[in-house]
C-alpha cells in the first residue's frame, strides 16, 4: 500500500482539489491518504472530510508543517511513502509512475516533474520562471513539494526537524545517484500572480536554505547546484536580458530579506496566497 501524507494549514480553498486528484481511480487496498490539519483557523478539515476515498483527516492545534509531517508518519503504514503539499495537484496515475520507479529501479527518493500554471501570473513572474526552470537544481533529482521515499530511503533519517526547508533537508539526505526526477510524471503548481508574492516564497526558500546550511552543514556534500553553476547556465542558455534581470532582482532581494529575517530571529512563514485559487 502507498501512503501519502498531506500537511495542511489553512488550505480550505484548495484541499479538495488536491484530494480529488490524489484519490481518483485509487482502490482502498492500494492507497491511504493522511491529511494533517495543523493549526487551522478555517474549514480545511471539514472540506477534506467531504472527499470520499481512502482518506484519514487528523487535526492538531500545533501550526507546524514539520510537526504535521511527523504526526502523519506515525499514522502511516505503507511504502513507498509520499509527502505532498496541500496546494498542489498530483494525480494518482502520476503518483503510481513515481512509486514504480522507487519500487523497481532502486532509487531512495523520487519526484514528478513540476508543471507550472502561469496563466494568472504577471509578465515579471513568467520571466523569472523561464530562467529558474533552466537551473542546475533541476538536473539531479529535485525533491520538493511532492515526492516519494522508499522504505530504505525513509530510514535514512529519523523525525523531520523543526526547519523551514523541510524539502531541502530531505533532498540532501541522498546523493545525486540516489534521487531522481520522473519525467513521465508531473505535478501541477499554480505559480504566484505577482512579483510581490513570488518574492515572499523565494524569501522563505533562501532563508530556509541558509538555516539548513547553518544547522546541518554536512548535508551539503550532496548538493550539486551552486551560484557559479547557475551563472554559467544562464549565460550558456542565452536567455533574454529582461528575464535574467528579473531573475537576479528576485534572487538577490529574496536572499537579503531571508538573511534579515534569520538575523532578527523571525519565524514568520511567508507564503503565496495569490496562487490558492
Protein backbone atom coordinates (compact mmCIF):
# COMPACT_ATOMS: atom_id res chain seq x y z
CA UNK A 1 0.00 0.00 0.00
CA UNK A 2 1.17 3.51 -0.84
CA UNK A 3 0.91 6.11 1.92
CA UNK A 4 0.52 9.83 1.24
CA UNK A 5 0.88 12.50 3.92
CA UNK A 6 -0.62 15.91 3.21
CA UNK A 7 0.22 18.62 5.77
CA UNK A 8 -2.41 21.35 5.55
CA UNK A 9 -2.52 24.73 7.27
CA UNK A 10 -5.49 26.95 6.34
CA UNK A 11 -5.95 25.29 2.94
CA UNK A 12 -9.76 25.30 2.69
CA UNK A 13 -9.62 26.83 -0.80
CA UNK A 14 -7.50 24.06 -2.33
CA UNK A 15 -7.61 20.91 -0.20
CA UNK A 16 -10.50 19.23 -2.02
CA UNK A 17 -8.84 19.78 -5.40
CA UNK A 18 -5.69 18.17 -4.01
CA UNK A 19 -7.52 15.15 -2.58
CA UNK A 20 -9.72 14.55 -5.62
CA UNK A 21 -6.59 14.32 -7.77
CA UNK A 22 -4.72 12.07 -5.34
CA UNK A 23 -7.53 9.56 -4.92
CA UNK A 24 -9.31 9.45 -8.29
CA UNK A 25 -9.06 5.89 -9.57
CA UNK A 26 -7.41 4.53 -6.42
CA UNK A 27 -8.63 1.45 -4.60
CA UNK A 28 -8.80 1.41 -0.82
CA UNK A 29 -6.39 -1.52 -0.79
CA UNK A 30 -3.66 0.34 -2.66
CA UNK A 31 -3.66 3.83 -1.14
CA UNK A 32 -4.01 5.64 2.17
CA UNK A 33 -4.00 9.43 2.38
CA UNK A 34 -3.45 11.12 5.73
CA UNK A 35 -4.37 14.81 5.86
CA UNK A 36 -2.83 16.53 8.87
CA UNK A 37 -4.64 19.80 9.51
CA UNK A 38 -2.22 21.77 11.67
CA UNK A 39 -3.17 24.95 13.49
CA UNK A 40 -6.00 25.63 11.07
CA UNK A 41 -8.28 28.61 11.67
CA UNK A 42 -10.55 27.83 8.74
CA UNK A 43 -12.58 24.88 7.48
CA UNK A 44 -9.71 22.83 6.00
CA UNK A 45 -10.63 19.71 7.98
CA UNK A 46 -14.33 19.96 7.12
CA UNK A 47 -13.54 20.42 3.42
CA UNK A 48 -11.15 17.44 3.45
CA UNK A 49 -13.79 15.22 5.03
CA UNK A 50 -16.15 15.95 2.14
CA UNK A 51 -13.92 13.96 -0.23
CA UNK A 52 -14.75 10.26 -0.39
CA UNK A 53 -11.98 7.70 -0.58
CA UNK A 54 -9.16 6.20 1.48
CA UNK A 55 -8.60 9.44 3.39
CA UNK A 56 -7.94 9.94 7.09
CA UNK A 57 -8.21 13.50 8.41
CA UNK A 58 -6.49 14.36 11.68
CA UNK A 59 -6.26 17.70 13.43
CA UNK A 60 -3.64 19.24 15.69
CA UNK A 61 -3.53 22.67 17.28
CA UNK A 62 0.20 22.99 16.56
CA UNK A 63 0.76 25.15 13.47
CA UNK A 64 3.92 23.47 12.20
CA UNK A 65 4.50 21.71 8.89
CA UNK A 66 7.29 19.52 10.25
CA UNK A 67 5.21 18.54 13.29
CA UNK A 68 2.40 17.64 10.88
CA UNK A 69 4.77 15.52 8.78
CA UNK A 70 5.92 13.65 11.89
CA UNK A 71 2.34 13.08 13.04
CA UNK A 72 1.45 11.76 9.59
CA UNK A 73 4.47 9.46 9.64
CA UNK A 74 3.37 7.96 12.94
CA UNK A 75 -0.03 7.12 11.45
CA UNK A 76 1.11 5.94 8.01
CA UNK A 77 1.53 2.23 7.35
CA UNK A 78 2.67 1.91 3.73
CA UNK A 79 5.57 2.37 1.34
CA UNK A 80 6.52 3.99 -0.87
CA UNK A 81 5.63 6.99 1.29
CA UNK A 82 4.76 10.30 -0.30
CA UNK A 83 4.71 13.82 1.11
CA UNK A 84 2.55 16.23 -0.87
CA UNK A 85 1.87 19.92 -0.24
CA UNK A 86 -1.83 20.71 0.00
CA UNK A 87 -1.85 23.38 -2.71
CA UNK A 88 -0.52 21.09 -5.45
CA UNK A 89 -2.39 18.87 -7.90
CA UNK A 90 -0.78 15.43 -8.07
CA UNK A 91 -2.91 12.85 -9.86
CA UNK A 92 -3.00 9.25 -8.69
CA UNK A 93 -1.82 8.00 -12.09
CA UNK A 94 1.27 10.23 -11.84
CA UNK A 95 1.86 9.13 -8.27
CA UNK A 96 1.84 5.49 -9.44
CA UNK A 97 4.55 6.25 -12.00
CA UNK A 98 6.80 7.69 -9.31
CA UNK A 99 6.03 4.78 -6.98
CA UNK A 100 7.00 2.31 -9.72
CA UNK A 101 10.40 3.97 -10.13
CA UNK A 102 11.01 3.70 -6.38
CA UNK A 103 9.96 0.07 -6.27
CA UNK A 104 11.62 -1.17 -9.46
CA UNK A 105 14.70 0.99 -10.03
CA UNK A 106 16.24 1.13 -6.59
CA UNK A 107 16.10 4.88 -6.06
CA UNK A 108 15.62 6.09 -2.49
CA UNK A 109 13.79 9.33 -3.33
CA UNK A 110 11.82 10.34 -6.40
CA UNK A 111 9.61 13.22 -7.50
CA UNK A 112 7.49 14.14 -10.52
CA UNK A 113 8.29 16.98 -12.89
CA UNK A 114 6.97 20.42 -11.98
CA UNK A 115 4.31 21.68 -14.38
CA UNK A 116 3.82 25.39 -13.74
CA UNK A 117 0.46 27.05 -14.31
CA UNK A 118 1.43 30.61 -15.22
CA UNK A 119 -1.89 31.61 -16.77
CA UNK A 120 -2.66 34.08 -13.96
CA UNK A 121 0.91 35.29 -13.49
CA UNK A 122 2.34 38.69 -14.36
CA UNK A 123 4.93 39.23 -17.08
CA UNK A 124 7.70 39.51 -14.49
CA UNK A 125 6.73 36.27 -12.76
CA UNK A 126 6.72 34.43 -16.09
CA UNK A 127 10.18 35.86 -16.84
CA UNK A 128 11.52 34.59 -13.51
CA UNK A 129 10.24 31.07 -14.10
CA UNK A 130 11.67 30.91 -17.61
CA UNK A 131 15.11 31.36 -16.07
CA UNK A 132 14.57 29.33 -12.91
CA UNK A 133 13.50 26.23 -14.84
CA UNK A 134 16.93 26.11 -16.51
CA UNK A 135 18.84 26.00 -13.21
CA UNK A 136 21.15 23.08 -12.27
CA UNK A 137 18.84 22.41 -9.30
CA UNK A 138 16.52 20.63 -11.73
CA UNK A 139 19.27 18.42 -13.18
CA UNK A 140 19.73 15.89 -10.41
CA UNK A 141 16.68 14.73 -8.53
CA UNK A 142 14.71 17.79 -7.47
CA UNK A 143 12.89 16.75 -4.30
CA UNK A 144 10.28 19.33 -3.31
CA UNK A 145 6.55 19.89 -2.98
CA UNK A 146 5.52 16.35 -3.88
CA UNK A 147 7.94 13.45 -3.54
CA UNK A 148 8.12 9.82 -2.52
CA UNK A 149 10.59 7.82 -0.44
CA UNK A 150 11.20 4.10 -0.46
CA UNK A 151 11.27 2.24 2.85
CA UNK A 152 15.08 2.30 2.77
CA UNK A 153 15.04 5.97 1.81
CA UNK A 154 12.79 6.90 4.73
CA UNK A 155 15.10 5.06 7.11
CA UNK A 156 17.92 7.46 6.15
CA UNK A 157 16.72 9.96 8.78
CA UNK A 158 14.55 9.99 11.91
CA UNK A 159 11.94 12.65 12.55
CA UNK A 160 11.61 15.80 10.48
CA UNK A 161 13.50 18.51 12.38
CA UNK A 162 11.94 21.92 13.02
CA UNK A 163 13.39 23.68 9.98
CA UNK A 164 11.84 25.92 7.35
CA UNK A 165 13.27 23.97 4.41
CA UNK A 166 11.93 20.51 5.18
CA UNK A 167 12.11 19.59 1.48
CA UNK A 168 15.75 20.67 1.35
CA UNK A 169 16.53 18.62 4.45
CA UNK A 170 15.07 15.53 2.79
CA UNK A 171 16.67 16.12 -0.61
CA UNK A 172 20.16 16.43 0.86
CA UNK A 173 19.88 13.12 2.68
CA UNK A 174 20.61 11.45 -0.66
CA UNK A 175 23.49 11.55 -3.08
CA UNK A 176 22.57 12.60 -6.64
CA UNK A 177 22.52 8.99 -7.86
CA UNK A 178 20.03 8.03 -5.12
CA UNK A 179 17.34 10.56 -6.08
CA UNK A 180 15.57 11.08 -9.37
CA UNK A 181 13.01 13.24 -11.16
CA UNK A 182 10.50 11.05 -13.00
CA UNK A 183 9.96 12.79 -16.33
CA UNK A 184 6.94 10.64 -17.20
CA UNK A 185 5.08 12.07 -14.21
CA UNK A 186 4.08 15.64 -13.33
CA UNK A 187 2.58 17.71 -10.54
CA UNK A 188 0.71 20.93 -11.22
CA UNK A 189 1.95 24.04 -9.41
CA UNK A 190 -0.01 27.29 -9.54
CA UNK A 191 2.64 30.00 -9.82
CA UNK A 192 2.27 33.31 -7.94
CA UNK A 193 0.29 36.02 -9.66
CA UNK A 194 2.54 38.95 -8.74
CA UNK A 195 6.21 39.69 -8.18
CA UNK A 196 5.49 40.55 -4.55
CA UNK A 197 4.03 37.11 -3.88
CA UNK A 198 6.93 35.47 -5.72
CA UNK A 199 9.41 37.36 -3.54
CA UNK A 200 7.62 36.11 -0.43
CA UNK A 201 8.05 32.43 -1.27
CA UNK A 202 11.61 32.92 -2.50
CA UNK A 203 12.46 34.75 0.73
CA UNK A 204 11.28 31.71 2.67
CA UNK A 205 13.23 29.43 0.33
CA UNK A 206 16.51 31.32 0.60
CA UNK A 207 16.11 31.81 4.34
CA UNK A 208 15.39 28.11 4.75
CA UNK A 209 18.48 27.11 2.78
CA UNK A 210 20.63 29.42 4.87
CA UNK A 211 19.19 27.98 8.08
CA UNK A 212 19.76 24.44 6.82
CA UNK A 213 23.38 25.12 5.92
CA UNK A 214 23.99 26.51 9.40
CA UNK A 215 22.30 23.63 11.25
CA UNK A 216 23.32 20.72 9.01
CA UNK A 217 26.47 21.70 7.05
CA UNK A 218 27.46 18.08 6.44
CA UNK A 219 24.36 17.51 4.31
CA UNK A 220 25.67 19.88 1.65
CA UNK A 221 28.17 17.28 0.47
CA UNK A 222 25.17 16.01 -1.53
CA UNK A 223 24.48 19.39 -3.12
CA UNK A 224 25.33 19.64 -6.80
CA UNK A 225 23.98 23.13 -7.53
CA UNK A 226 25.99 26.29 -6.85
CA UNK A 227 25.80 30.01 -7.67
CA UNK A 228 28.66 29.66 -10.17
CA UNK A 229 26.96 26.78 -11.98
CA UNK A 230 23.73 28.76 -12.09
CA UNK A 231 25.50 31.79 -13.50
CA UNK A 232 27.20 29.68 -16.16
CA UNK A 233 23.88 28.08 -17.08
CA UNK A 234 22.25 31.48 -17.55
CA UNK A 235 24.92 32.64 -19.96
CA UNK A 236 25.08 29.30 -21.78
CA UNK A 237 21.32 29.38 -22.42
CA UNK A 238 21.41 32.86 -23.96
CA UNK A 239 18.27 33.93 -22.10
CA UNK A 240 16.62 37.32 -22.79
CA UNK A 241 18.03 40.25 -20.84
CA UNK A 242 14.66 41.11 -19.28
CA UNK A 243 14.21 37.55 -17.95
CA UNK A 244 17.71 37.48 -16.49
CA UNK A 245 17.29 40.93 -14.91
CA UNK A 246 14.06 39.87 -13.20
CA UNK A 247 15.64 36.63 -12.02
CA UNK A 248 18.64 38.39 -10.47
CA UNK A 249 16.47 41.04 -8.83
CA UNK A 250 14.16 38.49 -7.21
CA UNK A 251 17.03 36.22 -6.15
CA UNK A 252 19.16 38.99 -4.63
CA UNK A 253 16.27 40.74 -2.92
CA UNK A 254 14.84 37.49 -1.54
CA UNK A 255 18.26 36.42 -0.23
CA UNK A 256 18.65 39.78 1.52
CA UNK A 257 15.18 39.54 3.08
CA UNK A 258 15.83 35.95 4.12
CA UNK A 259 19.09 36.92 5.79
CA UNK A 260 17.45 39.80 7.62
CA UNK A 261 14.66 37.53 8.84
CA UNK A 262 17.14 34.95 10.06
CA UNK A 263 19.32 37.50 11.89
CA UNK A 264 16.27 39.05 13.53
CA UNK A 265 15.02 35.65 14.63
CA UNK A 266 11.81 35.96 12.64
CA UNK A 267 9.92 32.67 12.18
CA UNK A 268 7.14 34.08 10.00
CA UNK A 269 6.11 31.53 7.35
CA UNK A 270 5.74 33.67 4.25
CA UNK A 271 3.53 32.01 1.67
CA UNK A 272 1.83 32.94 -1.57
CA UNK A 273 -1.91 33.39 -1.13
CA UNK A 274 -2.41 34.57 -4.72
CA UNK A 275 -1.97 31.09 -6.20
CA UNK A 276 -4.57 29.43 -3.97
CA UNK A 277 -7.48 29.59 -6.37
